[in-house]
Amino acid sequence: MVQALPKTKPVTFEEFIEWKPEGNRYELHHGIIVKMNQPVGKHEDIICFLNEKITAEYLRLNLPYGIPKTALVKPPESESAYSPDVLVLNRPNLVNEPLWEKESTVTQAASISLVIEVVSANWRVDYLTKAGDYEEMGIPEYWIADYLGNGGRRFIGSPKQPTLSIHELIDGEYQVSLFKGNDWIVSPIFPELSLTANQIFQAEWLF
């Protein structure tokens, strides 16, 4: 769930970075500073589970990836900066990132292998705003882990139920596959990752 801070006018990315305090998580949504509320335990369980499973997979495959704790994703042509729940970086390309050393911010799709957002109350941000910006950036894969089935019916179907949406970039546009219940997920970037949707949504049972 997100809550916009009172601001009299939109701010630039540079103003946001200069203002951004330590100890709290904030994002910039098209010039508006947004405070990210503290996630509930289930939300954090899923993030932890995905971090562990994905890290184990890229290490097994000897891929030069990494998952940072607080890095930002900035669409180049927008005054936005997002802090994904899980961000898988392609580390060799970080030398080409102009904002990486000082702001730990990435702007190039070549630096981003996978982005994952775990849905809370404000599902429209993940399904509409971020999906559009990540697609425009050319990020090859984007997951939305909607463990409560909060998303709109046009995104997760009816009746609503917990759904993992995997967006794959094909010819510049996201093609979306939905996984529910005991469906085995299909990740283009990690094709041998053996997980069902329920295993992700019930992460706390698997530690």
Protein backbone atom coordinates (compact mmCIF):
# COMPACT_ATOMS: atom_id res chain seq x y z
CA MET A 1 0.00 0.00 0.00
CA VAL A 2 1.33 3.45 -0.86
CA GLN A 3 0.57 6.90 0.44
CA ALA A 4 1.49 10.11 -1.39
CA LEU A 5 3.31 12.70 0.65
CA PRO A 6 1.93 16.25 0.50
CA LYS A 7 3.87 18.15 -2.15
CA THR A 8 2.82 21.43 -3.72
CA LYS A 9 4.36 20.60 -7.10
CA PRO A 10 5.97 17.68 -8.92
CA VAL A 11 9.64 17.09 -8.20
CA THR A 12 12.46 15.93 -10.44
CA PHE A 13 14.43 12.75 -9.91
CA GLU A 14 17.42 14.83 -8.78
CA GLU A 15 15.28 16.65 -6.18
CA PHE A 16 13.86 13.32 -5.01
CA ILE A 17 17.32 11.79 -4.52
CA GLU A 18 18.53 14.85 -2.64
CA TRP A 19 15.44 14.83 -0.40
CA LYS A 20 15.08 11.07 0.14
CA PRO A 21 15.68 10.31 3.86
CA GLU A 22 17.37 7.24 5.27
CA GLY A 23 15.41 4.53 7.01
CA ASN A 24 12.18 4.71 5.02
CA ARG A 25 11.25 3.40 1.58
CA TYR A 26 10.04 5.93 -0.95
CA GLU A 27 9.31 5.91 -4.67
CA LEU A 28 8.83 8.67 -7.20
CA HIS A 29 5.74 8.26 -9.39
CA HIS A 30 5.82 10.71 -12.30
CA GLY A 31 7.04 13.56 -10.11
CA ILE A 32 5.05 12.63 -6.98
CA ILE A 33 6.90 11.33 -3.91
CA VAL A 34 5.21 8.24 -2.50
CA LYS A 35 5.94 6.64 0.87
CA MET A 36 5.81 2.85 0.85
CA ASN A 37 4.06 1.51 3.93
CA GLN A 38 5.67 -1.23 6.01
CA PRO A 39 4.68 -4.56 4.39
CA VAL A 40 2.86 -7.23 6.38
CA GLY A 41 4.66 -10.44 7.28
CA LYS A 42 3.21 -12.53 4.43
CA HIS A 43 4.39 -9.95 1.90
CA GLU A 44 7.92 -10.13 3.33
CA ASP A 45 7.82 -13.95 3.46
CA ILE A 46 7.16 -14.07 -0.28
CA ILE A 47 9.97 -11.60 -1.02
CA CYS A 48 12.40 -13.62 1.12
CA PHE A 49 11.34 -16.88 -0.52
CA LEU A 50 11.72 -15.50 -4.05
CA ASN A 51 15.08 -13.95 -3.23
CA GLU A 52 16.38 -17.28 -1.96
CA LYS A 53 15.03 -19.37 -4.83
CA ILE A 54 16.17 -17.00 -7.57
CA THR A 55 19.59 -16.48 -6.01
CA ALA A 56 20.09 -20.24 -5.78
CA GLU A 57 19.11 -20.60 -9.44
CA TYR A 58 21.44 -17.95 -10.88
CA LEU A 59 24.29 -19.23 -8.75
CA ARG A 60 23.62 -22.76 -9.99
CA LEU A 61 23.72 -21.49 -13.57
CA ASN A 62 26.82 -19.37 -12.87
CA LEU A 63 25.11 -16.23 -14.14
CA PRO A 64 26.60 -12.80 -13.27
CA TYR A 65 23.47 -11.59 -11.50
CA GLY A 66 22.82 -9.99 -8.14
CA ILE A 67 19.85 -8.89 -6.04
CA PRO A 68 20.41 -5.51 -4.33
CA LYS A 69 18.54 -4.41 -1.23
CA THR A 70 17.57 -0.82 -2.00
CA ALA A 71 18.45 -0.04 -5.64
CA LEU A 72 16.07 2.06 -7.72
CA VAL A 73 14.80 1.58 -11.27
CA LYS A 74 14.40 4.85 -13.18
CA PRO A 75 12.64 4.98 -16.55
CA PRO A 76 14.92 7.27 -18.59
CA GLU A 77 12.21 9.56 -19.97
CA SER A 78 10.16 9.88 -16.79
CA GLU A 79 10.48 11.60 -13.41
CA SER A 80 9.91 8.26 -11.71
CA ALA A 81 12.00 5.92 -9.60
CA TYR A 82 10.77 2.56 -8.36
CA SER A 83 12.06 0.32 -5.59
CA PRO A 84 11.03 -3.21 -6.67
CA ASP A 85 10.39 -5.95 -4.15
CA VAL A 86 12.88 -8.12 -6.05
CA LEU A 87 15.32 -6.71 -8.60
CA VAL A 88 17.68 -9.08 -10.43
CA LEU A 89 20.58 -7.10 -11.88
CA ASN A 90 22.88 -8.08 -14.72
CA ARG A 91 26.00 -6.88 -12.93
CA PRO A 92 28.43 -6.58 -15.89
CA ASN A 93 26.32 -3.76 -17.38
CA LEU A 94 26.46 -1.63 -14.23
CA VAL A 95 29.65 0.01 -15.52
CA ASN A 96 27.46 1.63 -18.18
CA GLU A 97 24.95 3.03 -15.70
CA PRO A 98 25.51 6.76 -15.12
CA LEU A 99 23.56 6.83 -11.83
CA TRP A 100 24.78 3.59 -10.30
CA GLU A 101 27.86 4.67 -8.36
CA LYS A 102 26.31 7.65 -6.56
CA GLU A 103 22.57 6.88 -6.53
CA SER A 104 22.45 3.04 -6.85
CA THR A 105 19.94 3.59 -9.65
CA VAL A 106 19.63 1.71 -12.94
CA THR A 107 18.12 3.14 -16.12
CA GLN A 108 19.00 0.57 -18.80
CA ALA A 109 17.16 -2.64 -19.61
CA ALA A 110 20.54 -4.29 -20.18
CA SER A 111 21.17 -3.97 -16.43
CA ILE A 112 17.87 -5.58 -15.42
CA SER A 113 17.14 -9.26 -15.91
CA LEU A 114 13.97 -9.51 -13.84
CA VAL A 115 11.70 -7.29 -11.74
CA ILE A 116 9.16 -8.65 -9.25
CA GLU A 117 6.46 -6.73 -7.42
CA VAL A 118 4.40 -8.32 -4.64
CA VAL A 119 0.94 -6.77 -4.71
CA SER A 120 -0.52 -5.08 -1.65
CA ALA A 121 -3.61 -2.86 -1.57
CA ASN A 122 -2.78 -0.40 -4.36
CA TRP A 123 -2.70 -2.97 -7.16
CA ARG A 124 -3.19 -0.44 -9.97
CA VAL A 125 0.36 0.85 -9.53
CA ASP A 126 1.83 -2.60 -10.23
CA TYR A 127 -0.57 -3.64 -13.00
CA LEU A 128 -0.81 -0.30 -14.80
CA THR A 129 1.86 2.26 -13.92
CA LYS A 130 4.87 0.02 -13.38
CA ALA A 131 3.96 -2.49 -16.07
CA GLY A 132 3.78 0.35 -18.61
CA ASP A 133 7.07 1.89 -17.54
CA TYR A 134 8.92 -1.44 -17.35
CA GLU A 135 7.61 -2.37 -20.80
CA GLU A 136 8.70 0.97 -22.25
CA MET A 137 12.16 0.54 -20.72
CA GLY A 138 12.46 -2.86 -22.38
CA ILE A 139 12.87 -4.90 -19.20
CA PRO A 140 12.71 -8.50 -20.47
CA GLU A 141 10.69 -10.04 -17.63
CA TYR A 142 8.33 -8.69 -14.96
CA TRP A 143 6.41 -10.71 -12.37
CA ILE A 144 3.42 -9.57 -10.34
CA ALA A 145 2.85 -11.81 -7.32
CA ASP A 146 -0.75 -11.07 -6.32
CA TYR A 147 -1.02 -13.39 -3.30
CA LEU A 148 -4.36 -11.96 -2.14
CA GLY A 149 -6.01 -11.82 -5.55
CA ASN A 150 -6.49 -8.06 -5.28
CA GLY A 151 -5.94 -7.18 -8.92
CA GLY A 152 -8.67 -6.16 -11.32
CA ARG A 153 -10.62 -8.93 -13.05
CA ARG A 154 -9.26 -7.81 -16.41
CA PHE A 155 -5.80 -8.72 -15.12
CA ILE A 156 -6.39 -11.91 -13.05
CA GLY A 157 -9.78 -13.15 -14.25
CA SER A 158 -12.96 -14.02 -12.40
CA PRO A 159 -13.48 -15.23 -9.75
CA LYS A 160 -10.51 -13.45 -8.25
CA GLN A 161 -7.85 -15.68 -6.73
CA PRO A 162 -4.13 -15.48 -5.97
CA THR A 163 -2.33 -15.12 -9.29
CA LEU A 164 1.24 -14.85 -10.49
CA SER A 165 1.44 -12.82 -13.70
CA ILE A 166 4.63 -13.23 -15.71
CA HIS A 167 5.19 -10.54 -18.34
CA GLU A 168 7.60 -11.49 -21.12
CA LEU A 169 8.83 -8.79 -23.50
CA ILE A 170 8.19 -9.92 -27.09
CA ASP A 171 8.72 -7.49 -29.97
CA GLY A 172 8.66 -4.57 -27.57
CA GLU A 173 5.40 -5.52 -25.83
CA TYR A 174 4.60 -7.57 -22.75
CA GLN A 175 2.85 -10.87 -23.29
CA VAL A 176 1.30 -12.02 -20.01
CA SER A 177 0.94 -15.57 -18.69
CA LEU A 178 -1.14 -16.26 -15.56
CA PHE A 179 -0.33 -18.97 -13.01
CA LYS A 180 -2.63 -20.05 -10.19
CA GLY A 181 -2.91 -22.84 -7.64
CA ASN A 182 -0.69 -25.77 -8.54
CA ASP A 183 0.28 -24.41 -11.95
CA TRP A 184 4.01 -24.76 -12.59
CA ILE A 185 5.33 -21.32 -13.41
CA VAL A 186 7.16 -20.73 -16.68
CA SER A 187 9.93 -18.13 -16.47
CA PRO A 188 11.68 -17.35 -19.77
CA ILE A 189 14.80 -16.13 -17.98
CA PHE A 190 14.92 -19.08 -15.54
CA PRO A 191 13.32 -21.92 -17.55
CA GLU A 192 14.47 -24.61 -15.11
CA LEU A 193 13.08 -22.88 -12.02
CA SER A 194 10.73 -25.49 -10.54
CA LEU A 195 8.01 -23.70 -8.56
CA THR A 196 4.24 -23.65 -8.49
CA ALA A 197 2.19 -20.53 -7.90
CA ASN A 198 1.02 -21.93 -4.54
CA GLN A 199 4.59 -22.58 -3.42
CA ILE A 200 5.33 -18.91 -3.94
CA PHE A 201 2.14 -17.68 -2.26
CA GLN A 202 2.60 -20.06 0.71
CA ALA A 203 6.29 -19.26 1.10
CA GLU A 204 6.26 -19.19 4.88
CA TRP A 205 5.36 -22.90 4.93
CA LEU A 206 8.47 -23.88 3.03
CA PHE A 207 11.34 -22.43 5.06
